[in-house]
Amino acid sequence: MKAARLDLAYRDECAGLLIRLNECRRASGFAPWECGHERHAFEKCEYLLYRERVAARAAEAAEAKKV
């Protein structure tokens, strides 16, 4: 991740997908119609991580309400 120069904010479970996406973007000259599959895979991974965080916070809130 350091060699790929990823910011700390992007070093999560989806970092491997982001590295491939950035490589594709550089190879295609950042053409917006290229790298669609890589972008979709990365965005889906980020969305699933978001859903996990929301579910965890909801569980924490429900647990706090019980006490």
C-alpha atoms as a PDB file:
ATOM      1  CA  MET A   1       0.000   0.000   0.000  1.00  0.00           C
ATOM      2  CA  LYS A   2       2.880   2.305   0.690  1.00  0.00           C
ATOM      3  CA  ALA A   3       4.401   1.533  -2.724  1.00  0.00           C
ATOM      4  CA  ALA A   4       1.032   2.334  -4.333  1.00  0.00           C
ATOM      5  CA  ARG A   5       1.033   5.666  -2.427  1.00  0.00           C
ATOM      6  CA  LEU A   6      -2.393   5.202  -0.881  1.00  0.00           C
ATOM      7  CA  ASP A   7      -3.462   7.739   1.711  1.00  0.00           C
ATOM      8  CA  LEU A   8      -4.090   6.351   5.174  1.00  0.00           C
ATOM      9  CA  ALA A   9      -7.798   7.059   4.814  1.00  0.00           C
ATOM     10  CA  TYR A  10      -8.041   4.565   1.940  1.00  0.00           C
ATOM     11  CA  ARG A  11      -6.099   1.718   3.567  1.00  0.00           C
ATOM     12  CA  ASP A  12      -8.999  -0.529   4.436  1.00  0.00           C
ATOM     13  CA  GLU A  13     -10.284  -3.893   3.239  1.00  0.00           C
ATOM     14  CA  CYS A  14     -10.912  -2.453  -0.238  1.00  0.00           C
ATOM     15  CA  ALA A  15      -7.370  -1.156  -0.737  1.00  0.00           C
ATOM     16  CA  GLY A  16      -6.440  -3.948  -3.150  1.00  0.00           C
ATOM     17  CA  LEU A  17      -9.346  -3.024  -5.389  1.00  0.00           C
ATOM     18  CA  LEU A  18      -8.393   0.646  -5.235  1.00  0.00           C
ATOM     19  CA  ILE A  19      -4.817  -0.120  -6.244  1.00  0.00           C
ATOM     20  CA  ARG A  20      -6.038  -2.013  -9.323  1.00  0.00           C
ATOM     21  CA  LEU A  21      -8.464   0.807 -10.133  1.00  0.00           C
ATOM     22  CA  ASN A  22      -5.747   3.450  -9.887  1.00  0.00           C
ATOM     23  CA  GLU A  23      -3.434   1.381 -12.099  1.00  0.00           C
ATOM     24  CA  CYS A  24      -6.189   1.074 -14.700  1.00  0.00           C
ATOM     25  CA  ARG A  25      -6.916   4.796 -14.497  1.00  0.00           C
ATOM     26  CA  ARG A  26      -3.259   5.687 -15.064  1.00  0.00           C
ATOM     27  CA  ALA A  27      -2.984   3.226 -17.959  1.00  0.00           C
ATOM     28  CA  SER A  28      -6.076   4.637 -19.669  1.00  0.00           C
ATOM     29  CA  GLY A  29      -5.195   8.286 -19.118  1.00  0.00           C
ATOM     30  CA  PHE A  30      -8.058   8.751 -16.636  1.00  0.00           C
ATOM     31  CA  ALA A  31     -10.670   8.248 -19.374  1.00  0.00           C
ATOM     32  CA  PRO A  32     -14.052   8.214 -17.598  1.00  0.00           C
ATOM     33  CA  TRP A  33     -15.459   5.428 -19.807  1.00  0.00           C
ATOM     34  CA  GLU A  34     -12.602   3.050 -19.007  1.00  0.00           C
ATOM     35  CA  CYS A  35     -12.125   0.904 -15.895  1.00  0.00           C
ATOM     36  CA  GLY A  36     -15.853   0.528 -15.252  1.00  0.00           C
ATOM     37  CA  HIS A  37     -15.560  -2.963 -13.822  1.00  0.00           C
ATOM     38  CA  GLU A  38     -12.762  -1.992 -11.443  1.00  0.00           C
ATOM     39  CA  ARG A  39     -14.643   1.105 -10.299  1.00  0.00           C
ATOM     40  CA  HIS A  40     -17.826  -0.874  -9.702  1.00  0.00           C
ATOM     41  CA  ALA A  41     -15.977  -3.533  -7.692  1.00  0.00           C
ATOM     42  CA  PHE A  42     -14.299  -0.871  -5.521  1.00  0.00           C
ATOM     43  CA  GLU A  43     -17.500   1.096  -4.935  1.00  0.00           C
ATOM     44  CA  LYS A  44     -19.412  -2.081  -4.061  1.00  0.00           C
ATOM     45  CA  CYS A  45     -16.730  -3.047  -1.543  1.00  0.00           C
ATOM     46  CA  GLU A  46     -16.850   0.425   0.023  1.00  0.00           C
ATOM     47  CA  TYR A  47     -20.654   0.273   0.182  1.00  0.00           C
ATOM     48  CA  LEU A  48     -20.607  -3.115   1.899  1.00  0.00           C
ATOM     49  CA  LEU A  49     -18.105  -1.812   4.463  1.00  0.00           C
ATOM     50  CA  TYR A  50     -20.385   1.178   5.040  1.00  0.00           C
ATOM     51  CA  ARG A  51     -23.347  -1.151   5.612  1.00  0.00           C
ATOM     52  CA  GLU A  52     -21.311  -3.148   8.138  1.00  0.00           C
ATOM     53  CA  ARG A  53     -20.407   0.034  10.038  1.00  0.00           C
ATOM     54  CA  VAL A  54     -24.038   1.192  10.096  1.00  0.00           C
ATOM     55  CA  ALA A  55     -25.210  -2.201  11.351  1.00  0.00           C
ATOM     56  CA  ALA A  56     -22.537  -2.193  14.065  1.00  0.00           C
ATOM     57  CA  ARG A  57     -23.575   1.273  15.222  1.00  0.00           C
ATOM     58  CA  ALA A  58     -27.231   0.253  15.245  1.00  0.00           C
ATOM     59  CA  ALA A  59     -26.355  -2.778  17.360  1.00  0.00           C
ATOM     60  CA  GLU A  60     -24.378  -0.587  19.766  1.00  0.00           C
ATOM     61  CA  ALA A  61     -27.288   1.829  20.041  1.00  0.00           C
ATOM     62  CA  ALA A  62     -29.723  -1.010  20.694  1.00  0.00           C
ATOM     63  CA  GLU A  63     -27.399  -2.423  23.345  1.00  0.00           C
ATOM     64  CA  ALA A  64     -27.110   0.993  24.988  1.00  0.00           C
ATOM     65  CA  LYS A  65     -30.897   1.326  25.061  1.00  0.00           C
ATOM     66  CA  LYS A  66     -31.241  -1.973  26.919  1.00  0.00           C
ATOM     67  CA  VAL A  67     -29.002  -0.794  29.738  1.00  0.00           C
END
